[in-house]
Amino acid sequence: MTSPLSTVSMVLELLSWIGIAVGAALLIAGYARRVAFSGWVKAIAVIVPAHEGEGRLFRWLGVDGHLYELPADTAETAHLAIGDDVELSVNPRRPEQARTDEAHIEGRTLRRVGWLFLGIGIAAVALSFVLLFVE
């Protein structure tokens, strides 16, 4: 029969392995997404009516001098009227890609959850060392 301390020690070791491995993987993925979206530039777009008359479009001038447009039928643009200006984040490598939120926040949730898992893993390692001296 195992003692309660050995059971706690096994649980802490499991938490440390899972916390550190999953936390590191999530941090790598989160920072990789942040780097991938870090070069996006700001552009001012105007809301215009769609060609068919149904819906609305974002229309902006790219850094290459071409005019681009995307549908503006999202929940975050529902309150805007035709002719309103909107600040977009635009991918400079593919200027037809744009988003209304900040591009640098991409991967934020992955990074936060990764730091949480990594903290749990490190705390479990520290408690495992404490249990070595208690037994």
N, C-alpha and C. Protein backbone atom coordinates (compact mmCIF):
# COMPACT_ATOMS: atom_id res chain seq x y z
N MET A 1 0.84 -1.17 0.00
CA MET A 1 0.00 0.00 0.00
C MET A 1 0.89 1.24 0.00
N THR A 2 0.54 2.19 -0.81
CA THR A 2 1.35 3.39 -0.91
C THR A 2 0.93 4.42 0.13
N SER A 3 1.88 5.22 0.52
CA SER A 3 1.60 6.26 1.50
C SER A 3 1.00 7.47 0.78
N PRO A 4 0.31 8.33 1.52
CA PRO A 4 -0.25 9.54 0.89
C PRO A 4 0.82 10.43 0.28
N LEU A 5 2.00 10.50 0.90
CA LEU A 5 3.07 11.33 0.35
C LEU A 5 3.58 10.81 -0.98
N SER A 6 3.64 9.50 -1.14
CA SER A 6 4.10 8.95 -2.42
C SER A 6 3.04 9.17 -3.51
N THR A 7 1.78 9.14 -3.13
CA THR A 7 0.72 9.43 -4.09
C THR A 7 0.78 10.89 -4.53
N VAL A 8 0.97 11.79 -3.56
CA VAL A 8 1.11 13.21 -3.88
C VAL A 8 2.34 13.44 -4.75
N SER A 9 3.41 12.73 -4.46
CA SER A 9 4.64 12.85 -5.24
C SER A 9 4.42 12.42 -6.69
N MET A 10 3.68 11.34 -6.89
CA MET A 10 3.39 10.88 -8.26
C MET A 10 2.51 11.88 -9.00
N VAL A 11 1.52 12.43 -8.32
CA VAL A 11 0.64 13.43 -8.94
C VAL A 11 1.45 14.68 -9.31
N LEU A 12 2.33 15.12 -8.42
CA LEU A 12 3.16 16.29 -8.70
C LEU A 12 4.10 16.04 -9.87
N GLU A 13 4.66 14.83 -9.96
CA GLU A 13 5.53 14.53 -11.09
C GLU A 13 4.74 14.54 -12.40
N LEU A 14 3.55 13.99 -12.38
CA LEU A 14 2.69 14.02 -13.57
C LEU A 14 2.35 15.46 -13.95
N LEU A 15 1.99 16.28 -12.97
CA LEU A 15 1.69 17.69 -13.24
C LEU A 15 2.91 18.44 -13.77
N SER A 16 4.08 18.11 -13.26
CA SER A 16 5.28 18.80 -13.73
C SER A 16 5.58 18.45 -15.18
N TRP A 17 5.48 17.18 -15.53
CA TRP A 17 5.74 16.79 -16.92
C TRP A 17 4.72 17.40 -17.87
N ILE A 18 3.46 17.29 -17.51
CA ILE A 18 2.40 17.83 -18.38
C ILE A 18 2.51 19.35 -18.44
N GLY A 19 2.68 20.00 -17.30
CA GLY A 19 2.73 21.46 -17.27
C GLY A 19 3.88 22.02 -18.07
N ILE A 20 5.06 21.46 -17.91
CA ILE A 20 6.23 21.98 -18.61
C ILE A 20 6.14 21.67 -20.10
N ALA A 21 5.76 20.45 -20.47
CA ALA A 21 5.71 20.07 -21.89
C ALA A 21 4.62 20.85 -22.63
N VAL A 22 3.41 20.86 -22.08
CA VAL A 22 2.31 21.55 -22.75
C VAL A 22 2.54 23.06 -22.72
N GLY A 23 3.03 23.58 -21.60
CA GLY A 23 3.29 25.00 -21.49
C GLY A 23 4.33 25.47 -22.50
N ALA A 24 5.42 24.71 -22.63
CA ALA A 24 6.46 25.08 -23.60
C ALA A 24 5.92 25.03 -25.03
N ALA A 25 5.14 24.00 -25.34
CA ALA A 25 4.58 23.89 -26.70
C ALA A 25 3.63 25.05 -27.00
N LEU A 26 2.78 25.40 -26.04
CA LEU A 26 1.85 26.51 -26.25
C LEU A 26 2.59 27.85 -26.37
N LEU A 27 3.63 28.04 -25.58
CA LEU A 27 4.42 29.27 -25.68
C LEU A 27 5.10 29.38 -27.04
N ILE A 28 5.67 28.30 -27.50
CA ILE A 28 6.32 28.31 -28.82
C ILE A 28 5.30 28.65 -29.90
N ALA A 29 4.13 28.01 -29.84
CA ALA A 29 3.09 28.28 -30.85
C ALA A 29 2.59 29.71 -30.75
N GLY A 30 2.39 30.22 -29.54
CA GLY A 30 1.90 31.58 -29.36
C GLY A 30 2.88 32.63 -29.85
N TYR A 31 4.15 32.46 -29.52
CA TYR A 31 5.15 33.43 -29.98
C TYR A 31 5.40 33.31 -31.47
N ALA A 32 5.27 32.10 -32.02
CA ALA A 32 5.42 31.94 -33.48
C ALA A 32 4.29 32.67 -34.21
N ARG A 33 3.07 32.58 -33.70
CA ARG A 33 1.95 33.32 -34.31
C ARG A 33 2.15 34.82 -34.19
N ARG A 34 2.68 35.26 -33.06
CA ARG A 34 2.93 36.69 -32.87
C ARG A 34 3.97 37.19 -33.87
N VAL A 35 5.03 36.43 -34.08
CA VAL A 35 6.06 36.82 -35.04
C VAL A 35 5.49 36.81 -36.46
N ALA A 36 4.66 35.82 -36.77
CA ALA A 36 4.09 35.73 -38.12
C ALA A 36 3.20 36.92 -38.45
N PHE A 37 2.56 37.50 -37.45
CA PHE A 37 1.65 38.62 -37.68
C PHE A 37 2.26 39.96 -37.27
N SER A 38 3.55 40.01 -36.97
CA SER A 38 4.13 41.24 -36.45
C SER A 38 4.41 42.29 -37.53
N GLY A 39 4.51 41.91 -38.78
CA GLY A 39 4.87 42.87 -39.81
C GLY A 39 3.69 43.57 -40.47
N TRP A 40 2.49 43.33 -39.98
CA TRP A 40 1.32 43.93 -40.60
C TRP A 40 1.34 45.45 -40.38
N VAL A 41 0.87 46.19 -41.38
CA VAL A 41 0.89 47.66 -41.33
C VAL A 41 -0.54 48.19 -41.22
N LYS A 42 -0.65 49.43 -40.77
CA LYS A 42 -1.96 50.07 -40.62
C LYS A 42 -2.39 50.70 -41.94
N ALA A 43 -3.68 50.67 -42.19
CA ALA A 43 -4.27 51.34 -43.35
C ALA A 43 -5.65 51.85 -42.94
N ILE A 44 -6.07 52.92 -43.58
CA ILE A 44 -7.40 53.48 -43.33
C ILE A 44 -8.30 53.01 -44.46
N ALA A 45 -9.40 52.38 -44.07
CA ALA A 45 -10.38 51.90 -45.05
C ALA A 45 -11.66 52.70 -44.90
N VAL A 46 -12.45 52.70 -45.95
CA VAL A 46 -13.74 53.37 -45.95
C VAL A 46 -14.81 52.30 -46.19
N ILE A 47 -15.93 52.42 -45.49
CA ILE A 47 -17.04 51.51 -45.71
C ILE A 47 -17.85 52.02 -46.90
N VAL A 48 -18.02 51.15 -47.90
CA VAL A 48 -18.76 51.51 -49.11
C VAL A 48 -19.82 50.44 -49.36
N PRO A 49 -20.88 50.76 -50.13
CA PRO A 49 -21.87 49.73 -50.46
C PRO A 49 -21.27 48.71 -51.43
N ALA A 50 -21.76 47.48 -51.32
CA ALA A 50 -21.29 46.41 -52.21
C ALA A 50 -21.77 46.67 -53.63
N HIS A 51 -21.13 46.02 -54.58
CA HIS A 51 -21.46 46.21 -55.99
C HIS A 51 -22.89 45.80 -56.32
N GLU A 52 -23.35 44.71 -55.70
CA GLU A 52 -24.70 44.22 -55.98
C GLU A 52 -25.75 44.95 -55.17
N GLY A 53 -25.32 45.83 -54.28
CA GLY A 53 -26.27 46.57 -53.46
C GLY A 53 -26.57 45.89 -52.13
N GLU A 54 -26.20 44.64 -51.97
CA GLU A 54 -26.44 43.91 -50.73
C GLU A 54 -25.16 43.88 -49.92
N GLY A 55 -25.18 44.43 -48.74
CA GLY A 55 -24.02 44.40 -47.86
C GLY A 55 -23.11 45.60 -48.05
N ARG A 56 -21.98 45.54 -47.36
CA ARG A 56 -21.02 46.63 -47.38
C ARG A 56 -19.62 46.06 -47.55
N LEU A 57 -18.70 46.92 -47.97
CA LEU A 57 -17.31 46.52 -48.18
C LEU A 57 -16.38 47.49 -47.48
N PHE A 58 -15.21 46.97 -47.06
CA PHE A 58 -14.08 47.81 -46.70
C PHE A 58 -13.35 48.09 -48.00
N ARG A 59 -12.92 49.31 -48.22
CA ARG A 59 -12.11 49.62 -49.40
C ARG A 59 -10.93 50.47 -48.93
N TRP A 60 -9.71 50.04 -49.30
CA TRP A 60 -8.51 50.76 -48.90
C TRP A 60 -7.47 50.72 -50.00
N LEU A 61 -6.54 51.65 -49.91
CA LEU A 61 -5.44 51.74 -50.86
C LEU A 61 -4.23 51.06 -50.24
N GLY A 62 -3.72 50.04 -50.93
CA GLY A 62 -2.58 49.30 -50.43
C GLY A 62 -1.28 50.06 -50.60
N VAL A 63 -0.22 49.57 -49.96
CA VAL A 63 1.09 50.21 -50.07
C VAL A 63 1.64 50.12 -51.48
N ASP A 64 1.11 49.19 -52.27
CA ASP A 64 1.55 49.05 -53.67
C ASP A 64 0.76 49.95 -54.62
N GLY A 65 -0.19 50.74 -54.10
CA GLY A 65 -0.95 51.67 -54.92
C GLY A 65 -2.22 51.10 -55.52
N HIS A 66 -2.53 49.84 -55.25
CA HIS A 66 -3.76 49.23 -55.76
C HIS A 66 -4.90 49.40 -54.76
N LEU A 67 -6.11 49.36 -55.26
CA LEU A 67 -7.29 49.48 -54.43
C LEU A 67 -7.77 48.07 -54.07
N TYR A 68 -7.99 47.83 -52.78
CA TYR A 68 -8.44 46.52 -52.30
C TYR A 68 -9.76 46.67 -51.57
N GLU A 69 -10.50 45.56 -51.51
CA GLU A 69 -11.76 45.57 -50.77
C GLU A 69 -12.05 44.20 -50.22
N LEU A 70 -12.75 44.20 -49.09
CA LEU A 70 -13.20 42.99 -48.41
C LEU A 70 -14.59 43.22 -47.86
N PRO A 71 -15.38 42.16 -47.65
CA PRO A 71 -16.71 42.33 -47.05
C PRO A 71 -16.61 42.90 -45.63
N ALA A 72 -17.50 43.80 -45.30
CA ALA A 72 -17.55 44.42 -43.97
C ALA A 72 -18.81 44.01 -43.25
N ASP A 73 -19.09 42.73 -43.24
CA ASP A 73 -20.32 42.23 -42.64
C ASP A 73 -20.05 41.48 -41.34
N THR A 74 -19.16 41.99 -40.52
CA THR A 74 -18.86 41.35 -39.25
C THR A 74 -19.61 42.06 -38.13
N ALA A 75 -19.68 41.43 -36.99
CA ALA A 75 -20.38 42.00 -35.84
C ALA A 75 -19.70 43.27 -35.34
N GLU A 76 -18.38 43.34 -35.47
CA GLU A 76 -17.68 44.53 -34.98
C GLU A 76 -17.83 45.73 -35.88
N THR A 77 -18.34 45.55 -37.10
CA THR A 77 -18.56 46.68 -38.01
C THR A 77 -20.04 46.96 -38.23
N ALA A 78 -20.90 46.30 -37.50
CA ALA A 78 -22.35 46.46 -37.70
C ALA A 78 -22.82 47.88 -37.36
N HIS A 79 -22.16 48.54 -36.44
CA HIS A 79 -22.57 49.89 -36.02
C HIS A 79 -22.07 50.99 -36.96
N LEU A 80 -21.21 50.66 -37.89
CA LEU A 80 -20.64 51.67 -38.79
C LEU A 80 -21.55 51.92 -39.98
N ALA A 81 -21.55 53.17 -40.45
CA ALA A 81 -22.39 53.55 -41.60
C ALA A 81 -21.52 53.67 -42.85
N ILE A 82 -22.18 53.73 -44.00
CA ILE A 82 -21.48 53.94 -45.27
C ILE A 82 -20.71 55.26 -45.20
N GLY A 83 -19.45 55.22 -45.57
CA GLY A 83 -18.62 56.42 -45.55
C GLY A 83 -17.75 56.56 -44.31
N ASP A 84 -17.97 55.73 -43.30
CA ASP A 84 -17.15 55.78 -42.09
C ASP A 84 -15.75 55.24 -42.36
N ASP A 85 -14.77 55.81 -41.67
CA ASP A 85 -13.39 55.33 -41.77
C ASP A 85 -13.14 54.26 -40.72
N VAL A 86 -12.33 53.27 -41.09
CA VAL A 86 -11.96 52.18 -40.20
C VAL A 86 -10.47 51.95 -40.33
N GLU A 87 -9.79 51.76 -39.21
CA GLU A 87 -8.37 51.43 -39.26
C GLU A 87 -8.22 49.92 -39.37
N LEU A 88 -7.50 49.48 -40.37
CA LEU A 88 -7.26 48.06 -40.61
C LEU A 88 -5.79 47.72 -40.41
N SER A 89 -5.52 46.47 -40.08
CA SER A 89 -4.17 45.93 -40.12
C SER A 89 -4.08 45.13 -41.41
N VAL A 90 -3.08 45.45 -42.25
CA VAL A 90 -2.97 44.85 -43.58
C VAL A 90 -1.65 44.09 -43.67
N ASN A 91 -1.71 42.91 -44.26
CA ASN A 91 -0.52 42.09 -44.50
C ASN A 91 0.26 42.70 -45.66
N PRO A 92 1.49 43.17 -45.46
CA PRO A 92 2.22 43.81 -46.56
C PRO A 92 2.64 42.83 -47.65
N ARG A 93 2.79 41.56 -47.32
CA ARG A 93 3.16 40.57 -48.33
C ARG A 93 1.96 40.16 -49.19
N ARG A 94 0.79 40.24 -48.61
CA ARG A 94 -0.46 39.94 -49.33
C ARG A 94 -1.45 41.04 -48.99
N PRO A 95 -1.40 42.17 -49.70
CA PRO A 95 -2.20 43.33 -49.32
C PRO A 95 -3.71 43.11 -49.40
N GLU A 96 -4.16 42.01 -49.97
CA GLU A 96 -5.61 41.74 -50.01
C GLU A 96 -6.10 41.16 -48.69
N GLN A 97 -5.18 40.83 -47.77
CA GLN A 97 -5.55 40.33 -46.45
C GLN A 97 -5.55 41.49 -45.46
N ALA A 98 -6.65 41.63 -44.74
CA ALA A 98 -6.76 42.69 -43.75
C ALA A 98 -7.64 42.22 -42.60
N ARG A 99 -7.51 42.89 -41.49
CA ARG A 99 -8.32 42.58 -40.31
C ARG A 99 -8.57 43.86 -39.54
N THR A 100 -9.68 43.89 -38.81
CA THR A 100 -10.04 45.10 -38.08
C THR A 100 -9.39 45.15 -36.70
N ASP A 101 -9.01 44.01 -36.14
CA ASP A 101 -8.34 44.04 -34.85
C ASP A 101 -6.84 44.15 -35.03
N GLU A 102 -6.15 44.39 -33.94
CA GLU A 102 -4.70 44.54 -33.98
C GLU A 102 -4.05 43.20 -34.32
N ALA A 103 -3.13 43.19 -35.25
CA ALA A 103 -2.49 41.94 -35.66
C ALA A 103 -1.50 41.44 -34.61
N HIS A 104 -0.94 42.33 -33.80
CA HIS A 104 0.07 41.91 -32.84
C HIS A 104 -0.52 41.12 -31.67
N ILE A 105 -1.84 41.12 -31.50
CA ILE A 105 -2.43 40.34 -30.41
C ILE A 105 -2.62 38.88 -30.80
N GLU A 106 -2.31 38.54 -32.03
CA GLU A 106 -2.46 37.16 -32.49
C GLU A 106 -1.60 36.23 -31.63
N GLY A 107 -2.18 35.16 -31.14
CA GLY A 107 -1.46 34.20 -30.31
C GLY A 107 -1.45 34.55 -28.83
N ARG A 108 -2.14 35.60 -28.44
CA ARG A 108 -2.13 36.03 -27.04
C ARG A 108 -2.70 34.96 -26.12
N THR A 109 -3.79 34.34 -26.52
CA THR A 109 -4.40 33.31 -25.68
C THR A 109 -3.48 32.11 -25.53
N LEU A 110 -2.83 31.72 -26.62
CA LEU A 110 -1.87 30.62 -26.54
C LEU A 110 -0.74 30.94 -25.57
N ARG A 111 -0.24 32.17 -25.62
CA ARG A 111 0.85 32.57 -24.72
C ARG A 111 0.39 32.58 -23.26
N ARG A 112 -0.79 33.11 -23.01
CA ARG A 112 -1.28 33.16 -21.62
C ARG A 112 -1.50 31.77 -21.04
N VAL A 113 -2.13 30.91 -21.81
CA VAL A 113 -2.36 29.55 -21.32
C VAL A 113 -1.03 28.80 -21.20
N GLY A 114 -0.10 29.07 -22.11
CA GLY A 114 1.22 28.45 -22.02
C GLY A 114 1.95 28.86 -20.76
N TRP A 115 1.91 30.16 -20.42
CA TRP A 115 2.56 30.61 -19.18
C TRP A 115 1.87 29.99 -17.96
N LEU A 116 0.54 29.82 -18.02
CA LEU A 116 -0.18 29.19 -16.91
C LEU A 116 0.28 27.75 -16.72
N PHE A 117 0.32 26.97 -17.81
CA PHE A 117 0.75 25.58 -17.72
C PHE A 117 2.21 25.49 -17.26
N LEU A 118 3.06 26.36 -17.80
CA LEU A 118 4.46 26.34 -17.40
C LEU A 118 4.62 26.68 -15.92
N GLY A 119 3.84 27.63 -15.43
CA GLY A 119 3.87 27.96 -14.00
C GLY A 119 3.43 26.80 -13.13
N ILE A 120 2.38 26.11 -13.56
CA ILE A 120 1.92 24.93 -12.81
C ILE A 120 3.00 23.86 -12.81
N GLY A 121 3.64 23.65 -13.95
CA GLY A 121 4.70 22.65 -14.03
C GLY A 121 5.88 22.99 -13.15
N ILE A 122 6.29 24.25 -13.13
CA ILE A 122 7.43 24.66 -12.30
C ILE A 122 7.07 24.58 -10.82
N ALA A 123 5.84 24.97 -10.47
CA ALA A 123 5.41 24.86 -9.08
C ALA A 123 5.37 23.39 -8.65
N ALA A 124 4.96 22.49 -9.54
CA ALA A 124 4.93 21.06 -9.20
C ALA A 124 6.35 20.53 -9.00
N VAL A 125 7.30 21.00 -9.81
CA VAL A 125 8.70 20.57 -9.62
C VAL A 125 9.21 21.06 -8.27
N ALA A 126 8.91 22.31 -7.93
CA ALA A 126 9.36 22.86 -6.65
C ALA A 126 8.75 22.09 -5.47
N LEU A 127 7.46 21.77 -5.56
CA LEU A 127 6.82 21.00 -4.49
C LEU A 127 7.36 19.58 -4.42
N SER A 128 7.76 19.01 -5.55
CA SER A 128 8.37 17.68 -5.54
C SER A 128 9.68 17.70 -4.77
N PHE A 129 10.48 18.77 -4.96
CA PHE A 129 11.73 18.88 -4.21
C PHE A 129 11.46 19.05 -2.72
N VAL A 130 10.42 19.76 -2.36
CA VAL A 130 10.06 19.93 -0.96
C VAL A 130 9.67 18.57 -0.37
N LEU A 131 8.93 17.77 -1.14
CA LEU A 131 8.51 16.46 -0.64
C LEU A 131 9.68 15.51 -0.46
N LEU A 132 10.78 15.72 -1.19
CA LEU A 132 11.97 14.88 -0.98
C LEU A 132 12.51 15.00 0.44
N PHE A 133 12.42 16.21 0.98
CA PHE A 133 12.95 16.43 2.33
C PHE A 133 11.93 16.11 3.40
N VAL A 134 10.63 16.02 3.04
CA VAL A 134 9.60 15.71 4.02
C VAL A 134 9.55 14.21 4.29
N GLU A 135 9.76 13.42 3.25
CA GLU A 135 9.68 11.96 3.39
C GLU A 135 10.79 11.52 4.23
